[in-house]
Each structure stands twice: as structure tokens, then as C-alpha cells.
Amino acid sequence: VQLQASGGGLAQTGGSLRLVCAASGRSISHFAVGWFRQAPGKEREFVSSISWPGTRQDYARSVKGRFTISRDNIKNMAYLQMNSLKADDTAVYYCAVSTAWGSREAHSYVYWGQGTQVTVSS
């Protein structure tokens, strides 16, 4: 599975961005999809995940109520809608897939995209 994350860029505080994770090489319809982020000097952290049928979502406390994860198994894509952005959301965002639902640990995810930079200016 190859994953390509895109949609990052520069946004102002309070603004919105929509990240896209496009998969190729194999269907991800039976994988859970997760989004992680890594800010400079910090460890990679869990942001959100969605189960393979899309019926369950999980969010880090820091983004709950502001970010929405979704997926389209026909298009082999997943999305992260980010609203009410804050400076603390600045990071490189990665999408990844896991054969198991519910993990917030990076080591549970078997395939990773290359990351897309999100910068939020105050």
C-alpha cells in the first residue's frame, strides 16, 4: 500500500484545512486509517483514526470537536477536516493504516504516507 498525504499548507488561526490521504496499490477498505502529526522537536502523536467501515472514530483530546475524520472506501481515500485551527496544530501530518481498530500507537500502523506540512499562523 502506498499512501499519499496532501492538503497541507498555511492557514491563519481559526481557519480550516482539509487533508487528503490517497491510497494506491491495494484497497484500504479493510484497514483502519489514522492521522498522526509531528511538530518540530516533539514526538509523533496520534490525532485521529477511523474504523474500516467508517462507523467509529477516535480523536485526541486536543483536536476533538475541531477535527473530523472520514473516508471513502470506493475512492480509496481518507480525509481530515481541520477547523478552528490553532498555532499548536502546526506540524507535519501523516496518514497511516492499521489492520486493527482502536490503537493510538504508531507502531500499530503498518503503512505510512510521507507527510504534509500544516502551518498555522497567529
N, C-alpha and C. Protein backbone atom coordinates (compact mmCIF):
# COMPACT_ATOMS: atom_id res chain seq x y z
N VAL A 1 0.85 -1.19 0.00
CA VAL A 1 0.00 0.00 0.00
C VAL A 1 0.88 1.24 0.00
N GLN A 2 0.61 2.13 -0.92
CA GLN A 2 1.29 3.43 -0.92
C GLN A 2 0.27 4.49 -0.51
N LEU A 3 0.67 5.35 0.42
CA LEU A 3 -0.21 6.40 0.91
C LEU A 3 0.40 7.75 0.58
N GLN A 4 -0.44 8.64 0.12
CA GLN A 4 0.00 9.99 -0.23
C GLN A 4 -0.87 10.98 0.53
N ALA A 5 -0.26 11.71 1.44
CA ALA A 5 -0.98 12.74 2.18
C ALA A 5 -0.80 14.08 1.48
N SER A 6 -1.88 14.82 1.39
CA SER A 6 -1.82 16.14 0.76
C SER A 6 -2.84 17.07 1.42
N GLY A 7 -2.83 18.31 1.00
CA GLY A 7 -3.80 19.27 1.51
C GLY A 7 -3.26 20.21 2.57
N GLY A 8 -2.05 19.97 2.99
CA GLY A 8 -1.47 20.86 3.97
C GLY A 8 -1.15 22.23 3.36
N GLY A 9 -0.75 23.13 4.21
CA GLY A 9 -0.41 24.47 3.75
C GLY A 9 -0.40 25.44 4.89
N LEU A 10 -0.54 26.68 4.55
CA LEU A 10 -0.52 27.76 5.55
C LEU A 10 -1.95 28.22 5.81
N ALA A 11 -2.32 28.30 7.07
CA ALA A 11 -3.64 28.78 7.45
C ALA A 11 -3.49 29.75 8.62
N GLN A 12 -4.47 30.58 8.76
CA GLN A 12 -4.48 31.50 9.89
C GLN A 12 -5.20 30.86 11.07
N THR A 13 -4.91 31.33 12.25
CA THR A 13 -5.63 30.87 13.44
C THR A 13 -7.13 31.03 13.22
N GLY A 14 -7.84 29.97 13.50
CA GLY A 14 -9.28 29.97 13.29
C GLY A 14 -9.70 29.49 11.93
N GLY A 15 -8.75 29.28 11.05
CA GLY A 15 -9.04 28.85 9.70
C GLY A 15 -9.21 27.34 9.60
N SER A 16 -9.32 26.88 8.37
CA SER A 16 -9.58 25.46 8.10
C SER A 16 -8.67 24.94 7.01
N LEU A 17 -8.40 23.66 7.10
CA LEU A 17 -7.71 22.92 6.04
C LEU A 17 -8.32 21.53 5.97
N ARG A 18 -8.23 20.93 4.81
CA ARG A 18 -8.71 19.56 4.64
C ARG A 18 -7.56 18.72 4.10
N LEU A 19 -7.16 17.77 4.87
CA LEU A 19 -6.10 16.85 4.45
C LEU A 19 -6.71 15.65 3.75
N VAL A 20 -5.99 15.18 2.76
CA VAL A 20 -6.43 14.02 2.00
C VAL A 20 -5.35 12.95 2.05
N CYS A 21 -5.77 11.72 2.26
CA CYS A 21 -4.87 10.58 2.22
C CYS A 21 -5.34 9.69 1.09
N ALA A 22 -4.54 9.62 0.04
CA ALA A 22 -4.88 8.80 -1.12
C ALA A 22 -4.06 7.53 -1.11
N ALA A 23 -4.73 6.41 -1.23
CA ALA A 23 -4.05 5.12 -1.21
C ALA A 23 -3.99 4.54 -2.61
N SER A 24 -2.93 3.82 -2.88
CA SER A 24 -2.79 3.12 -4.15
C SER A 24 -2.09 1.80 -3.92
N GLY A 25 -2.17 0.94 -4.91
CA GLY A 25 -1.50 -0.35 -4.82
C GLY A 25 -2.36 -1.44 -4.21
N ARG A 26 -3.29 -1.05 -3.37
CA ARG A 26 -4.14 -2.03 -2.70
C ARG A 26 -5.28 -1.26 -2.05
N SER A 27 -6.42 -1.90 -1.97
CA SER A 27 -7.55 -1.27 -1.29
C SER A 27 -7.29 -1.18 0.21
N ILE A 28 -7.64 -0.03 0.79
CA ILE A 28 -7.52 0.13 2.24
C ILE A 28 -8.87 -0.02 2.93
N SER A 29 -9.83 -0.57 2.21
CA SER A 29 -11.18 -0.64 2.74
C SER A 29 -11.29 -1.51 3.99
N HIS A 30 -10.34 -2.39 4.22
CA HIS A 30 -10.37 -3.23 5.41
C HIS A 30 -9.28 -2.88 6.41
N PHE A 31 -8.75 -1.66 6.26
CA PHE A 31 -7.79 -1.15 7.21
C PHE A 31 -8.42 0.00 7.99
N ALA A 32 -8.05 0.14 9.23
CA ALA A 32 -8.33 1.38 9.95
C ALA A 32 -7.34 2.43 9.43
N VAL A 33 -7.77 3.66 9.38
CA VAL A 33 -6.91 4.74 8.93
C VAL A 33 -6.67 5.70 10.10
N GLY A 34 -5.45 6.09 10.25
CA GLY A 34 -5.11 7.02 11.32
C GLY A 34 -4.37 8.22 10.79
N TRP A 35 -4.50 9.31 11.50
CA TRP A 35 -3.71 10.51 11.23
C TRP A 35 -2.85 10.78 12.47
N PHE A 36 -1.61 11.07 12.22
CA PHE A 36 -0.66 11.44 13.27
C PHE A 36 -0.01 12.75 12.87
N ARG A 37 0.63 13.39 13.82
CA ARG A 37 1.35 14.61 13.50
C ARG A 37 2.62 14.70 14.32
N GLN A 38 3.58 15.44 13.78
CA GLN A 38 4.84 15.62 14.49
C GLN A 38 5.29 17.07 14.32
N ALA A 39 5.36 17.75 15.43
CA ALA A 39 5.84 19.13 15.45
C ALA A 39 7.35 19.13 15.67
N PRO A 40 8.02 20.19 15.27
CA PRO A 40 9.47 20.26 15.45
C PRO A 40 9.87 20.05 16.90
N GLY A 41 10.81 19.14 17.12
CA GLY A 41 11.31 18.89 18.46
C GLY A 41 10.40 18.05 19.33
N LYS A 42 9.31 17.57 18.77
CA LYS A 42 8.37 16.77 19.54
C LYS A 42 8.21 15.39 18.93
N GLU A 43 7.67 14.47 19.72
CA GLU A 43 7.43 13.12 19.23
C GLU A 43 6.17 13.11 18.37
N ARG A 44 6.10 12.11 17.51
CA ARG A 44 4.90 11.93 16.71
C ARG A 44 3.74 11.59 17.62
N GLU A 45 2.59 12.22 17.39
CA GLU A 45 1.44 11.98 18.24
C GLU A 45 0.21 11.63 17.43
N PHE A 46 -0.64 10.86 18.06
CA PHE A 46 -1.91 10.46 17.46
C PHE A 46 -2.84 11.66 17.36
N VAL A 47 -3.56 11.74 16.24
CA VAL A 47 -4.55 12.79 16.05
C VAL A 47 -5.95 12.20 15.98
N SER A 48 -6.13 11.23 15.08
CA SER A 48 -7.46 10.69 14.88
C SER A 48 -7.37 9.37 14.13
N SER A 49 -8.41 8.55 14.26
CA SER A 49 -8.47 7.32 13.49
C SER A 49 -9.93 7.00 13.17
N ILE A 50 -10.10 6.16 12.16
CA ILE A 50 -11.44 5.76 11.73
C ILE A 50 -11.40 4.29 11.40
N SER A 51 -12.46 3.59 11.77
CA SER A 51 -12.52 2.15 11.52
C SER A 51 -12.74 1.88 10.03
N TRP A 52 -12.54 0.62 9.65
CA TRP A 52 -12.57 0.34 8.21
C TRP A 52 -13.92 0.58 7.56
N PRO A 53 -15.07 0.35 8.26
CA PRO A 53 -16.32 0.72 7.59
C PRO A 53 -16.68 2.18 7.80
N GLY A 54 -15.88 2.87 8.62
CA GLY A 54 -16.13 4.28 8.86
C GLY A 54 -17.15 4.58 9.94
N THR A 55 -17.52 3.56 10.69
CA THR A 55 -18.58 3.75 11.68
C THR A 55 -18.07 4.22 13.04
N ARG A 56 -16.78 4.11 13.26
CA ARG A 56 -16.21 4.53 14.54
C ARG A 56 -15.04 5.48 14.30
N GLN A 57 -14.98 6.52 15.10
CA GLN A 57 -13.90 7.48 15.02
C GLN A 57 -13.31 7.70 16.41
N ASP A 58 -12.08 8.06 16.42
CA ASP A 58 -11.38 8.35 17.68
C ASP A 58 -10.58 9.63 17.46
N TYR A 59 -10.56 10.46 18.48
CA TYR A 59 -9.86 11.74 18.37
C TYR A 59 -9.01 11.99 19.61
N ALA A 60 -7.87 12.58 19.40
CA ALA A 60 -7.09 13.06 20.53
C ALA A 60 -7.86 14.20 21.20
N ARG A 61 -7.69 14.33 22.47
CA ARG A 61 -8.41 15.35 23.21
C ARG A 61 -8.13 16.75 22.64
N SER A 62 -6.94 16.97 22.17
CA SER A 62 -6.54 18.29 21.70
C SER A 62 -7.26 18.73 20.42
N VAL A 63 -7.84 17.76 19.69
CA VAL A 63 -8.48 18.12 18.42
C VAL A 63 -9.97 17.80 18.42
N LYS A 64 -10.45 17.13 19.43
CA LYS A 64 -11.86 16.73 19.46
C LYS A 64 -12.75 17.95 19.40
N GLY A 65 -13.74 17.88 18.53
CA GLY A 65 -14.66 19.00 18.35
C GLY A 65 -14.22 19.98 17.28
N ARG A 66 -12.96 19.86 16.86
CA ARG A 66 -12.45 20.76 15.81
C ARG A 66 -12.11 20.00 14.53
N PHE A 67 -11.66 18.77 14.67
CA PHE A 67 -11.26 17.96 13.52
C PHE A 67 -12.29 16.86 13.28
N THR A 68 -12.46 16.50 12.01
CA THR A 68 -13.37 15.43 11.65
C THR A 68 -12.67 14.50 10.66
N ILE A 69 -12.63 13.23 10.99
CA ILE A 69 -12.04 12.24 10.10
C ILE A 69 -13.15 11.54 9.32
N SER A 70 -12.86 11.21 8.08
CA SER A 70 -13.83 10.48 7.26
C SER A 70 -13.07 9.67 6.23
N ARG A 71 -13.79 8.85 5.51
CA ARG A 71 -13.16 8.03 4.48
C ARG A 71 -14.14 7.72 3.38
N ASP A 72 -13.60 7.40 2.22
CA ASP A 72 -14.39 6.96 1.08
C ASP A 72 -13.72 5.71 0.54
N ASN A 73 -14.26 4.56 0.89
CA ASN A 73 -13.62 3.29 0.52
C ASN A 73 -13.71 3.02 -0.98
N ILE A 74 -14.66 3.63 -1.65
CA ILE A 74 -14.74 3.45 -3.10
C ILE A 74 -13.59 4.20 -3.78
N LYS A 75 -13.31 5.39 -3.29
CA LYS A 75 -12.22 6.19 -3.86
C LYS A 75 -10.86 5.80 -3.26
N ASN A 76 -10.88 4.97 -2.24
CA ASN A 76 -9.64 4.55 -1.58
C ASN A 76 -8.92 5.75 -0.95
N MET A 77 -9.71 6.58 -0.30
CA MET A 77 -9.19 7.80 0.30
C MET A 77 -9.72 8.00 1.71
N ALA A 78 -8.98 8.79 2.47
CA ALA A 78 -9.43 9.23 3.78
C ALA A 78 -9.15 10.72 3.90
N TYR A 79 -9.85 11.34 4.84
CA TYR A 79 -9.77 12.79 4.94
C TYR A 79 -9.67 13.21 6.40
N LEU A 80 -9.11 14.39 6.59
CA LEU A 80 -9.10 15.00 7.91
C LEU A 80 -9.48 16.46 7.73
N GLN A 81 -10.71 16.79 8.10
CA GLN A 81 -11.17 18.17 8.05
C GLN A 81 -10.75 18.85 9.35
N MET A 82 -9.98 19.91 9.22
CA MET A 82 -9.46 20.60 10.39
C MET A 82 -10.04 22.01 10.43
N ASN A 83 -10.82 22.29 11.44
CA ASN A 83 -11.42 23.59 11.62
C ASN A 83 -10.89 24.25 12.89
N SER A 84 -11.14 25.53 13.01
CA SER A 84 -10.72 26.29 14.20
C SER A 84 -9.26 26.02 14.53
N LEU A 85 -8.44 26.12 13.53
CA LEU A 85 -7.02 25.79 13.69
C LEU A 85 -6.34 26.71 14.69
N LYS A 86 -5.39 26.12 15.40
CA LYS A 86 -4.60 26.85 16.38
C LYS A 86 -3.12 26.74 16.01
N ALA A 87 -2.33 27.62 16.58
CA ALA A 87 -0.89 27.57 16.32
C ALA A 87 -0.30 26.22 16.74
N ASP A 88 -0.85 25.64 17.80
CA ASP A 88 -0.36 24.34 18.27
C ASP A 88 -0.63 23.20 17.30
N ASP A 89 -1.45 23.44 16.29
CA ASP A 89 -1.72 22.41 15.29
C ASP A 89 -0.62 22.35 14.24
N THR A 90 0.30 23.29 14.27
CA THR A 90 1.40 23.31 13.32
C THR A 90 2.25 22.05 13.47
N ALA A 91 2.38 21.31 12.38
CA ALA A 91 3.12 20.04 12.41
C ALA A 91 3.12 19.44 11.01
N VAL A 92 3.89 18.40 10.85
CA VAL A 92 3.77 17.56 9.67
C VAL A 92 2.74 16.48 10.00
N TYR A 93 1.77 16.33 9.14
CA TYR A 93 0.69 15.37 9.35
C TYR A 93 0.89 14.16 8.46
N TYR A 94 0.73 13.00 9.06
CA TYR A 94 0.92 11.73 8.37
C TYR A 94 -0.37 10.91 8.43
N CYS A 95 -0.67 10.23 7.34
CA CYS A 95 -1.72 9.23 7.39
C CYS A 95 -1.08 7.85 7.39
N ALA A 96 -1.78 6.93 7.98
CA ALA A 96 -1.26 5.57 8.11
C ALA A 96 -2.44 4.61 8.21
N VAL A 97 -2.18 3.34 7.97
CA VAL A 97 -3.24 2.35 8.06
C VAL A 97 -2.83 1.22 8.98
N SER A 98 -3.83 0.65 9.61
CA SER A 98 -3.60 -0.43 10.56
C SER A 98 -4.61 -1.54 10.31
N THR A 99 -4.19 -2.76 10.59
CA THR A 99 -5.11 -3.89 10.47
C THR A 99 -6.02 -4.00 11.69
N ALA A 100 -5.73 -3.23 12.71
CA ALA A 100 -6.53 -3.29 13.94
C ALA A 100 -7.12 -1.93 14.22
N TRP A 101 -8.33 -1.92 14.70
CA TRP A 101 -9.01 -0.67 15.06
C TRP A 101 -8.70 -0.31 16.52
N GLY A 102 -8.60 0.95 16.77
CA GLY A 102 -8.59 1.43 18.14
C GLY A 102 -7.24 1.79 18.72
N SER A 103 -6.18 1.55 17.98
CA SER A 103 -4.87 1.86 18.54
C SER A 103 -4.49 3.31 18.28
N ARG A 104 -3.87 3.91 19.28
CA ARG A 104 -3.33 5.25 19.15
C ARG A 104 -1.80 5.21 19.06
N GLU A 105 -1.27 4.00 18.97
CA GLU A 105 0.18 3.83 18.94
C GLU A 105 0.68 3.72 17.51
N ALA A 106 1.72 4.48 17.21
CA ALA A 106 2.24 4.49 15.85
C ALA A 106 2.72 3.11 15.41
N HIS A 107 3.23 2.32 16.32
CA HIS A 107 3.77 1.01 15.92
C HIS A 107 2.69 0.05 15.48
N SER A 108 1.42 0.38 15.73
CA SER A 108 0.32 -0.47 15.28
C SER A 108 -0.04 -0.24 13.82
N TYR A 109 0.53 0.78 13.23
CA TYR A 109 0.20 1.14 11.85
C TYR A 109 1.30 0.65 10.93
N VAL A 110 0.88 -0.04 9.88
CA VAL A 110 1.83 -0.79 9.06
C VAL A 110 2.29 -0.05 7.82
N TYR A 111 1.49 0.83 7.29
CA TYR A 111 1.87 1.61 6.12
C TYR A 111 1.68 3.09 6.43
N TRP A 112 2.63 3.89 5.95
CA TRP A 112 2.64 5.32 6.24
C TRP A 112 2.82 6.14 4.97
N GLY A 113 2.17 7.30 4.95
CA GLY A 113 2.43 8.26 3.89
C GLY A 113 3.62 9.12 4.25
N GLN A 114 3.96 10.02 3.36
CA GLN A 114 5.17 10.80 3.52
C GLN A 114 4.98 12.07 4.35
N GLY A 115 3.76 12.45 4.63
CA GLY A 115 3.53 13.63 5.45
C GLY A 115 3.25 14.88 4.64
N THR A 116 2.44 15.74 5.21
CA THR A 116 2.13 17.03 4.61
C THR A 116 2.22 18.10 5.70
N GLN A 117 2.86 19.20 5.38
CA GLN A 117 3.11 20.24 6.36
C GLN A 117 1.88 21.12 6.56
N VAL A 118 1.51 21.32 7.80
CA VAL A 118 0.45 22.26 8.16
C VAL A 118 1.08 23.34 9.04
N THR A 119 0.92 24.57 8.63
CA THR A 119 1.45 25.70 9.40
C THR A 119 0.31 26.66 9.70
N VAL A 120 0.11 26.94 10.97
CA VAL A 120 -0.96 27.84 11.39
C VAL A 120 -0.31 29.08 11.98
N SER A 121 -0.62 30.20 11.38
CA SER A 121 -0.02 31.46 11.84
C SER A 121 -1.01 32.22 12.70
N SER A 122 -0.50 32.83 13.73
CA SER A 122 -1.37 33.58 14.65
C SER A 122 -1.43 35.05 14.25
